[in-house]
């Protein structure tokens, strides 16, 4: 299976989805158990990788990946703007 690895400043970044055959928690956890020096798991919002990290790498810190941080921010700003727009339109009505 293909593996894309980026090594920089003593850190190794790789896409787990490229090195395991599925997105099942047990498959990912099994791979993580073999990585004894795994310190950080950057993941999506899916529950499968969260469960895998808890089970397979309990020592690792979990964080959202950049795409999902931006997605969460975008969704929160959209909700805020919709609320502000509703308030502005409500004040304009006679």
C-alpha atoms as a PDB file:
ATOM      1  CA  UNK A   1       0.000   0.000   0.000  1.00  0.00           C
ATOM      2  CA  UNK A   2       1.244   3.515  -0.779  1.00  0.00           C
ATOM      3  CA  UNK A   3       2.619   5.607   2.046  1.00  0.00           C
ATOM      4  CA  UNK A   4       3.180   9.343   1.900  1.00  0.00           C
ATOM      5  CA  UNK A   5       5.502  10.570   4.623  1.00  0.00           C
ATOM      6  CA  UNK A   6       6.789  14.066   5.313  1.00  0.00           C
ATOM      7  CA  UNK A   7       9.663  14.366   7.756  1.00  0.00           C
ATOM      8  CA  UNK A   8      10.521  17.784   9.121  1.00  0.00           C
ATOM      9  CA  UNK A   9      12.283  18.941  12.273  1.00  0.00           C
ATOM     10  CA  UNK A  10      12.220  15.498  13.841  1.00  0.00           C
ATOM     11  CA  UNK A  11       8.494  15.074  13.151  1.00  0.00           C
ATOM     12  CA  UNK A  12       6.887  12.627  10.756  1.00  0.00           C
ATOM     13  CA  UNK A  13       3.558  13.409   9.118  1.00  0.00           C
ATOM     14  CA  UNK A  14       1.613  10.805   7.184  1.00  0.00           C
ATOM     15  CA  UNK A  15      -1.900  10.163   6.028  1.00  0.00           C
ATOM     16  CA  UNK A  16      -3.297   7.181   7.894  1.00  0.00           C
ATOM     17  CA  UNK A  17      -5.936   6.729   5.206  1.00  0.00           C
ATOM     18  CA  UNK A  18      -3.138   5.871   2.764  1.00  0.00           C
ATOM     19  CA  UNK A  19      -1.566   3.123   4.871  1.00  0.00           C
ATOM     20  CA  UNK A  20      -4.534   1.236   6.309  1.00  0.00           C
ATOM     21  CA  UNK A  21      -7.115  -0.587   4.188  1.00  0.00           C
ATOM     22  CA  UNK A  22     -10.256   0.875   5.799  1.00  0.00           C
ATOM     23  CA  UNK A  23     -11.567   3.481   8.263  1.00  0.00           C
ATOM     24  CA  UNK A  24     -12.466   0.976  10.963  1.00  0.00           C
ATOM     25  CA  UNK A  25     -11.434   1.876  14.503  1.00  0.00           C
ATOM     26  CA  UNK A  26      -9.795  -1.481  15.201  1.00  0.00           C
ATOM     27  CA  UNK A  27      -7.687  -1.385  12.038  1.00  0.00           C
ATOM     28  CA  UNK A  28      -6.398   2.098  12.831  1.00  0.00           C
ATOM     29  CA  UNK A  29      -5.896   1.258  16.526  1.00  0.00           C
ATOM     30  CA  UNK A  30      -3.890  -1.824  15.603  1.00  0.00           C
ATOM     31  CA  UNK A  31      -1.574   0.274  13.421  1.00  0.00           C
ATOM     32  CA  UNK A  32      -1.261   2.948  16.128  1.00  0.00           C
ATOM     33  CA  UNK A  33      -0.298   0.357  18.770  1.00  0.00           C
ATOM     34  CA  UNK A  34       2.749  -0.478  16.655  1.00  0.00           C
ATOM     35  CA  UNK A  35       3.865   3.180  16.635  1.00  0.00           C
ATOM     36  CA  UNK A  36       5.231   3.408  20.178  1.00  0.00           C
ATOM     37  CA  UNK A  37       6.463   6.996  19.748  1.00  0.00           C
ATOM     38  CA  UNK A  38       3.167   8.359  18.408  1.00  0.00           C
ATOM     39  CA  UNK A  39       2.628  11.680  20.224  1.00  0.00           C
ATOM     40  CA  UNK A  40      -0.084  13.521  18.252  1.00  0.00           C
ATOM     41  CA  UNK A  41      -3.047  12.277  16.214  1.00  0.00           C
ATOM     42  CA  UNK A  42      -4.520  14.914  13.936  1.00  0.00           C
ATOM     43  CA  UNK A  43      -7.876  13.617  12.788  1.00  0.00           C
ATOM     44  CA  UNK A  44     -11.214  14.433  11.249  1.00  0.00           C
ATOM     45  CA  UNK A  45     -14.441  14.718  13.222  1.00  0.00           C
ATOM     46  CA  UNK A  46     -15.337  11.080  12.646  1.00  0.00           C
ATOM     47  CA  UNK A  47     -15.758   8.869  15.647  1.00  0.00           C
ATOM     48  CA  UNK A  48     -13.790   5.971  14.185  1.00  0.00           C
ATOM     49  CA  UNK A  49     -10.393   7.692  14.339  1.00  0.00           C
ATOM     50  CA  UNK A  50     -11.178   9.199  17.759  1.00  0.00           C
ATOM     51  CA  UNK A  51     -11.899   5.725  19.093  1.00  0.00           C
ATOM     52  CA  UNK A  52      -8.812   4.330  17.369  1.00  0.00           C
ATOM     53  CA  UNK A  53      -6.581   6.975  18.932  1.00  0.00           C
ATOM     54  CA  UNK A  54      -8.026   6.372  22.409  1.00  0.00           C
ATOM     55  CA  UNK A  55      -7.504   2.628  22.079  1.00  0.00           C
ATOM     56  CA  UNK A  56      -4.324   2.439  20.016  1.00  0.00           C
ATOM     57  CA  UNK A  57      -2.393   5.478  21.207  1.00  0.00           C
ATOM     58  CA  UNK A  58      -3.718   6.620  24.588  1.00  0.00           C
ATOM     59  CA  UNK A  59      -0.494   8.582  25.160  1.00  0.00           C
ATOM     60  CA  UNK A  60      -1.107  10.708  22.049  1.00  0.00           C
ATOM     61  CA  UNK A  61      -2.764  14.103  22.071  1.00  0.00           C
ATOM     62  CA  UNK A  62      -5.718  14.289  19.671  1.00  0.00           C
ATOM     63  CA  UNK A  63      -6.368  17.429  17.653  1.00  0.00           C
ATOM     64  CA  UNK A  64      -8.513  18.435  14.710  1.00  0.00           C
ATOM     65  CA  UNK A  65      -6.834  18.635  11.349  1.00  0.00           C
ATOM     66  CA  UNK A  66      -6.579  22.021   9.641  1.00  0.00           C
ATOM     67  CA  UNK A  67      -9.412  21.335   7.191  1.00  0.00           C
ATOM     68  CA  UNK A  68     -11.845  20.583  10.021  1.00  0.00           C
ATOM     69  CA  UNK A  69     -10.729  23.539  12.114  1.00  0.00           C
ATOM     70  CA  UNK A  70     -11.523  25.827   9.170  1.00  0.00           C
ATOM     71  CA  UNK A  71     -14.780  23.953   8.498  1.00  0.00           C
ATOM     72  CA  UNK A  72     -15.879  24.319  12.143  1.00  0.00           C
ATOM     73  CA  UNK A  73     -15.021  28.031  12.086  1.00  0.00           C
ATOM     74  CA  UNK A  74     -16.897  28.535   8.814  1.00  0.00           C
ATOM     75  CA  UNK A  75     -20.010  26.826  10.175  1.00  0.00           C
ATOM     76  CA  UNK A  76     -19.912  28.869  13.398  1.00  0.00           C
ATOM     77  CA  UNK A  77     -19.525  32.150  11.476  1.00  0.00           C
ATOM     78  CA  UNK A  78     -22.427  31.217   9.163  1.00  0.00           C
ATOM     79  CA  UNK A  79     -24.695  30.630  12.182  1.00  0.00           C
ATOM     80  CA  UNK A  80     -23.604  33.936  13.733  1.00  0.00           C
ATOM     81  CA  UNK A  81     -24.152  35.883  10.504  1.00  0.00           C
ATOM     82  CA  UNK A  82     -27.590  34.335   9.992  1.00  0.00           C
ATOM     83  CA  UNK A  83     -28.577  35.369  13.516  1.00  0.00           C
ATOM     84  CA  UNK A  84     -27.239  38.907  12.999  1.00  0.00           C
ATOM     85  CA  UNK A  85     -29.054  39.202   9.670  1.00  0.00           C
ATOM     86  CA  UNK A  86     -32.326  38.063  11.276  1.00  0.00           C
ATOM     87  CA  UNK A  87     -31.929  40.677  14.025  1.00  0.00           C
ATOM     88  CA  UNK A  88     -31.182  43.439  11.505  1.00  0.00           C
ATOM     89  CA  UNK A  89     -34.190  42.499   9.369  1.00  0.00           C
ATOM     90  CA  UNK A  90     -36.421  42.323  12.457  1.00  0.00           C
ATOM     91  CA  UNK A  91     -35.411  45.865  13.473  1.00  0.00           C
ATOM     92  CA  UNK A  92     -36.147  47.225   9.990  1.00  0.00           C
ATOM     93  CA  UNK A  93     -39.766  46.006  10.041  1.00  0.00           C
ATOM     94  CA  UNK A  94     -42.282  48.710  11.086  1.00  0.00           C
END
